[in-house]
C-alpha atoms as a PDB file:
ATOM      1  CA  MET A   1      -0.607   4.367  19.687  1.00  0.00           C
ATOM      2  CA  ALA A   2      -0.294   2.871  16.185  1.00  0.00           C
ATOM      3  CA  THR A   3      -3.894   3.728  15.332  1.00  0.00           C
ATOM      4  CA  ASP A   4      -2.885   7.414  15.514  1.00  0.00           C
ATOM      5  CA  LYS A   5      -1.020   6.710  12.261  1.00  0.00           C
ATOM      6  CA  ILE A   6      -4.282   5.850  10.446  1.00  0.00           C
ATOM      7  CA  LEU A   7      -5.639   8.934   8.708  1.00  0.00           C
ATOM      8  CA  PRO A   8      -8.842   9.594   6.785  1.00  0.00           C
ATOM      9  CA  LEU A   9      -7.991  10.255   3.147  1.00  0.00           C
ATOM     10  CA  GLU A  10      -8.649  14.017   3.245  1.00  0.00           C
ATOM     11  CA  ARG A  11      -6.450  14.383   6.318  1.00  0.00           C
ATOM     12  CA  ALA A  12      -3.728  12.369   4.590  1.00  0.00           C
ATOM     13  CA  PHE A  13      -3.892  14.753   1.612  1.00  0.00           C
ATOM     14  CA  ARG A  14      -3.436  17.761   3.919  1.00  0.00           C
ATOM     15  CA  LEU A  15      -0.580  16.050   5.764  1.00  0.00           C
ATOM     16  CA  VAL A  16       1.270  15.299   2.516  1.00  0.00           C
ATOM     17  CA  ASP A  17       0.835  18.919   1.412  1.00  0.00           C
ATOM     18  CA  GLU A  18       2.338  20.074   4.722  1.00  0.00           C
ATOM     19  CA  LEU A  19       5.215  17.582   4.603  1.00  0.00           C
ATOM     20  CA  LYS A  20       6.152  18.704   1.091  1.00  0.00           C
ATOM     21  CA  ARG A  21       5.939  22.383   2.143  1.00  0.00           C
ATOM     22  CA  ARG A  22       8.470  21.529   4.876  1.00  0.00           C
ATOM     23  CA  GLY A  23      10.775  20.029   2.258  1.00  0.00           C
ATOM     24  CA  GLN A  24      10.303  16.416   3.299  1.00  0.00           C
ATOM     25  CA  CYS A  25      10.432  13.631   0.746  1.00  0.00           C
ATOM     26  CA  VAL A  26       7.166  11.675   0.702  1.00  0.00           C
ATOM     27  CA  VAL A  27       7.280   8.024  -0.355  1.00  0.00           C
ATOM     28  CA  PHE A  28       4.000   6.355  -1.286  1.00  0.00           C
ATOM     29  CA  THR A  29       2.883   2.801  -1.902  1.00  0.00           C
ATOM     30  CA  ASN A  30      -0.492   1.138  -2.081  1.00  0.00           C
ATOM     31  CA  GLY A  31      -2.267  -2.179  -2.175  1.00  0.00           C
ATOM     32  CA  CYS A  32      -4.879  -4.454  -0.642  1.00  0.00           C
ATOM     33  CA  PHE A  33      -2.565  -5.940   2.017  1.00  0.00           C
ATOM     34  CA  ASP A  34      -5.186  -8.592   2.679  1.00  0.00           C
ATOM     35  CA  LEU A  35      -2.856 -10.925   4.556  1.00  0.00           C
ATOM     36  CA  LEU A  36       0.408  -9.313   5.535  1.00  0.00           C
ATOM     37  CA  HIS A  37       3.504 -11.392   4.770  1.00  0.00           C
ATOM     38  CA  PRO A  38       7.300 -10.873   4.637  1.00  0.00           C
ATOM     39  CA  GLY A  39       7.117  -9.716   1.025  1.00  0.00           C
ATOM     40  CA  HIS A  40       5.046  -6.767   2.190  1.00  0.00           C
ATOM     41  CA  THR A  41       7.146  -5.947   5.238  1.00  0.00           C
ATOM     42  CA  ARG A  42      10.353  -6.045   3.220  1.00  0.00           C
ATOM     43  CA  LEU A  43       8.821  -3.780   0.585  1.00  0.00           C
ATOM     44  CA  PHE A  44       7.847  -1.273   3.288  1.00  0.00           C
ATOM     45  CA  ALA A  45      11.335  -1.381   4.834  1.00  0.00           C
ATOM     46  CA  GLU A  46      12.991  -0.712   1.469  1.00  0.00           C
ATOM     47  CA  ALA A  47      10.459   1.960   0.521  1.00  0.00           C
ATOM     48  CA  ARG A  48      11.008   3.780   3.822  1.00  0.00           C
ATOM     49  CA  LYS A  49      14.707   4.168   2.996  1.00  0.00           C
ATOM     50  CA  LEU A  50      13.823   6.213  -0.100  1.00  0.00           C
ATOM     51  CA  GLY A  51      12.547   9.294   1.711  1.00  0.00           C
ATOM     52  CA  ASP A  52      11.506  10.948   4.949  1.00  0.00           C
ATOM     53  CA  VAL A  53       7.941   9.682   5.328  1.00  0.00           C
ATOM     54  CA  LEU A  54       6.237   6.516   4.048  1.00  0.00           C
ATOM     55  CA  ILE A  55       2.507   6.743   3.343  1.00  0.00           C
ATOM     56  CA  VAL A  56       0.680   3.465   2.680  1.00  0.00           C
ATOM     57  CA  ALA A  57      -2.683   3.734   0.939  1.00  0.00           C
ATOM     58  CA  MET A  58      -4.796   0.635   1.424  1.00  0.00           C
ATOM     59  CA  ASN A  59      -7.832  -0.486  -0.564  1.00  0.00           C
ATOM     60  CA  SER A  60     -11.129  -0.478   1.332  1.00  0.00           C
ATOM     61  CA  ASP A  61     -13.030  -3.724   1.808  1.00  0.00           C
ATOM     62  CA  ARG A  62     -15.403  -2.737  -1.005  1.00  0.00           C
ATOM     63  CA  SER A  63     -12.605  -2.064  -3.475  1.00  0.00           C
ATOM     64  CA  VAL A  64     -10.784  -5.291  -2.497  1.00  0.00           C
ATOM     65  CA  ARG A  65     -13.980  -7.252  -3.291  1.00  0.00           C
ATOM     66  CA  ALA A  66     -14.282  -5.467  -6.629  1.00  0.00           C
ATOM     67  CA  LEU A  67     -10.651  -6.261  -7.496  1.00  0.00           C
ATOM     68  CA  LYS A  68     -10.143  -9.700  -5.938  1.00  0.00           C
ATOM     69  CA  GLY A  69     -13.602 -11.259  -5.734  1.00  0.00           C
ATOM     70  CA  LYS A  70     -16.465 -11.654  -3.279  1.00  0.00           C
ATOM     71  CA  ASN A  71     -14.487 -13.774  -0.795  1.00  0.00           C
ATOM     72  CA  ARG A  72     -11.940 -11.052  -0.139  1.00  0.00           C
ATOM     73  CA  ALA A  73     -10.836  -9.136   1.929  1.00  0.00           C
ATOM     74  CA  ILE A  74      -9.917 -11.810   4.435  1.00  0.00           C
ATOM     75  CA  GLN A  75      -9.435  -9.251   7.210  1.00  0.00           C
ATOM     76  CA  PRO A  76     -11.625  -6.134   7.589  1.00  0.00           C
ATOM     77  CA  GLU A  77     -10.081  -2.828   6.520  1.00  0.00           C
ATOM     78  CA  GLY A  78      -9.829  -1.494  10.070  1.00  0.00           C
ATOM     79  CA  GLU A  79      -7.781  -4.494  11.165  1.00  0.00           C
ATOM     80  CA  ARG A  80      -5.594  -4.372   8.047  1.00  0.00           C
ATOM     81  CA  ALA A  81      -4.931  -0.673   8.639  1.00  0.00           C
ATOM     82  CA  GLU A  82      -4.078  -1.280  12.300  1.00  0.00           C
ATOM     83  CA  ILE A  83      -1.563  -3.992  11.407  1.00  0.00           C
ATOM     84  CA  LEU A  84       0.089  -1.757   8.797  1.00  0.00           C
ATOM     85  CA  ALA A  85       0.211   1.177  11.220  1.00  0.00           C
ATOM     86  CA  ALA A  86       1.975  -1.000  13.806  1.00  0.00           C
ATOM     87  CA  LEU A  87       4.957  -1.471  11.490  1.00  0.00           C
ATOM     88  CA  ALA A  88       7.940   0.748  12.270  1.00  0.00           C
ATOM     89  CA  ALA A  89       8.672   1.393   8.580  1.00  0.00           C
ATOM     90  CA  VAL A  90       5.167   2.773   7.957  1.00  0.00           C
ATOM     91  CA  ASP A  91       4.611   6.370   9.006  1.00  0.00           C
ATOM     92  CA  TYR A  92       0.957   6.746   7.991  1.00  0.00           C
ATOM     93  CA  VAL A  93      -1.849   4.622   6.597  1.00  0.00           C
ATOM     94  CA  THR A  94      -4.912   5.797   4.721  1.00  0.00           C
ATOM     95  CA  ILE A  95      -7.790   3.887   3.164  1.00  0.00           C
ATOM     96  CA  PHE A  96      -9.223   4.611  -0.285  1.00  0.00           C
ATOM     97  CA  ASP A  97     -12.442   3.263  -1.764  1.00  0.00           C
ATOM     98  CA  ASP A  98     -11.841   3.509  -5.505  1.00  0.00           C
ATOM     99  CA  GLU A  99     -10.762   0.454  -7.469  1.00  0.00           C
ATOM    100  CA  SER A 100      -7.905   2.522  -8.895  1.00  0.00           C
ATOM    101  CA  VAL A 101      -5.426   4.490  -6.811  1.00  0.00           C
ATOM    102  CA  ARG A 102      -4.843   6.986  -9.641  1.00  0.00           C
ATOM    103  CA  GLY A 103      -6.908   9.769  -8.042  1.00  0.00           C
ATOM    104  CA  VAL A 104      -5.104   9.392  -4.709  1.00  0.00           C
ATOM    105  CA  VAL A 105      -1.672   9.467  -6.357  1.00  0.00           C
ATOM    106  CA  ALA A 106      -2.647  12.416  -8.567  1.00  0.00           C
ATOM    107  CA  ARG A 107      -3.778  14.388  -5.508  1.00  0.00           C
ATOM    108  CA  MET A 108      -0.804  13.489  -3.271  1.00  0.00           C
ATOM    109  CA  LEU A 109       1.896  13.571  -5.948  1.00  0.00           C
ATOM    110  CA  PRO A 110       4.525  11.907  -3.764  1.00  0.00           C
ATOM    111  CA  GLN A 111       8.140  12.447  -4.699  1.00  0.00           C
ATOM    112  CA  VAL A 112       8.612   8.657  -4.786  1.00  0.00           C
ATOM    113  CA  LEU A 113       5.999   6.113  -5.860  1.00  0.00           C
ATOM    114  CA  VAL A 114       6.927   2.531  -4.916  1.00  0.00           C
ATOM    115  CA  LYS A 115       5.513  -0.755  -6.176  1.00  0.00           C
ATOM    116  CA  GLY A 116       6.651  -4.356  -6.164  1.00  0.00           C
ATOM    117  CA  GLY A 117       8.999  -5.532  -8.883  1.00  0.00           C
ATOM    118  CA  HIS A 118       6.352  -7.810 -10.380  1.00  0.00           C
ATOM    119  CA  TYR A 119       4.764  -4.696 -11.912  1.00  0.00           C
ATOM    120  CA  ALA A 120       6.137  -3.495 -15.238  1.00  0.00           C
ATOM    121  CA  LEU A 121       6.692   0.274 -15.244  1.00  0.00           C
ATOM    122  CA  ASP A 122       3.816   0.786 -17.677  1.00  0.00           C
ATOM    123  CA  GLN A 123       1.487  -1.090 -15.278  1.00  0.00           C
ATOM    124  CA  ILE A 124       2.144   1.194 -12.308  1.00  0.00           C
ATOM    125  CA  VAL A 125      -0.938   3.332 -11.748  1.00  0.00           C
ATOM    126  CA  GLY A 126       0.027   6.933 -11.053  1.00  0.00           C
ATOM    127  CA  ARG A 127       3.430   6.683 -12.728  1.00  0.00           C
ATOM    128  CA  ASP A 128       2.597   9.283 -15.375  1.00  0.00           C
ATOM    129  CA  GLU A 129       1.330  11.770 -12.807  1.00  0.00           C
ATOM    130  CA  VAL A 130       4.303  11.342 -10.451  1.00  0.00           C
ATOM    131  CA  GLU A 131       6.917  11.570 -13.203  1.00  0.00           C
ATOM    132  CA  ALA A 132       5.180  14.582 -14.797  1.00  0.00           C
ATOM    133  CA  ALA A 133       5.466  16.349 -11.416  1.00  0.00           C
ATOM    134  CA  GLY A 134       9.205  15.581 -11.217  1.00  0.00           C
ATOM    135  CA  GLY A 135       8.942  12.543  -8.955  1.00  0.00           C
ATOM    136  CA  ARG A 136      10.257   9.066  -9.538  1.00  0.00           C
ATOM    137  CA  VAL A 137       8.885   5.560  -9.596  1.00  0.00           C
ATOM    138  CA  VAL A 138      10.819   2.762  -7.888  1.00  0.00           C
ATOM    139  CA  ARG A 139      10.168  -0.951  -8.255  1.00  0.00           C
ATOM    140  CA  ILE A 140      11.275  -3.027  -5.253  1.00  0.00           C
ATOM    141  CA  PRO A 141      12.282  -6.615  -6.114  1.00  0.00           C
ATOM    142  CA  VAL A 142       9.714  -9.224  -5.165  1.00  0.00           C
ATOM    143  CA  VAL A 143      10.558 -11.645  -2.361  1.00  0.00           C
ATOM    144  CA  GLU A 144      10.032 -15.046  -3.938  1.00  0.00           C
ATOM    145  CA  GLY A 145       7.762 -17.476  -2.151  1.00  0.00           C
ATOM    146  CA  PHE A 146       5.429 -14.917  -0.589  1.00  0.00           C
ATOM    147  CA  SER A 147       2.024 -13.984  -1.936  1.00  0.00           C
ATOM    148  CA  THR A 148      -1.385 -13.451  -0.409  1.00  0.00           C
ATOM    149  CA  THR A 149      -3.010 -15.679  -3.013  1.00  0.00           C
ATOM    150  CA  ALA A 150      -0.556 -18.502  -2.239  1.00  0.00           C
ATOM    151  CA  LEU A 151      -1.273 -18.150   1.498  1.00  0.00           C
ATOM    152  CA  ILE A 152      -5.020 -18.361   0.918  1.00  0.00           C
ATOM    153  CA  GLU A 153      -4.642 -21.390  -1.365  1.00  0.00           C
ATOM    154  CA  ALA A 154      -2.418 -23.160   1.183  1.00  0.00           C
ATOM    155  CA  ALA A 155      -4.950 -22.508   3.956  1.00  0.00           C
ATOM    156  CA  GLN A 156      -7.801 -23.808   1.792  1.00  0.00           C
ATOM    157  CA  LYS A 157      -5.830 -26.984   0.983  1.00  0.00           C
ATOM    158  CA  ALA A 158      -5.059 -27.517   4.670  1.00  0.00           C
ATOM    159  CA  VAL A 159      -8.751 -27.195   5.586  1.00  0.00           C
ATOM    160  CA  THR A 160      -9.774 -29.568   2.798  1.00  0.00           C
ATOM    161  CA  ARG A 161      -7.060 -32.060   3.755  1.00  0.00           C
ATOM    162  CA  ASP A 162      -8.096 -32.014   7.426  1.00  0.00           C
ATOM    163  CA  LYS A 163     -11.792 -32.720   6.703  1.00  0.00           C
END
């Protein structure tokens, strides 16, 4: 079942350690993934091609609120994690509670850290740690026309228009 792919953070750390001991290439990405859209799924598909295992670290509800505002997350973390875990390109999902993913990246030290192309290299949290450990950072081009914020705004306009 897809929910078997959702791991508590400490278990995810141990899994990554074991995968690296076996010589597997771990690819890592992270985000809020508040409303999944084709930009996300295409990023995961491209990221998965870069190694043997794709780990997706997802912000907890608390950290999404801290980053995006009190009206977010739209979907609870358990549901967001379940949706991510159901994707074929995603091997494992874990949830972190900090506003920054730096500690998670520093502990996992994936061989490949992936973010969307809208991030400049110097904006990618964990880049220094991954590169210092011999890993690489890859920016996947953004799929134009897809964003969670745009989806939320469109839904709000539709509700307002229909009143």
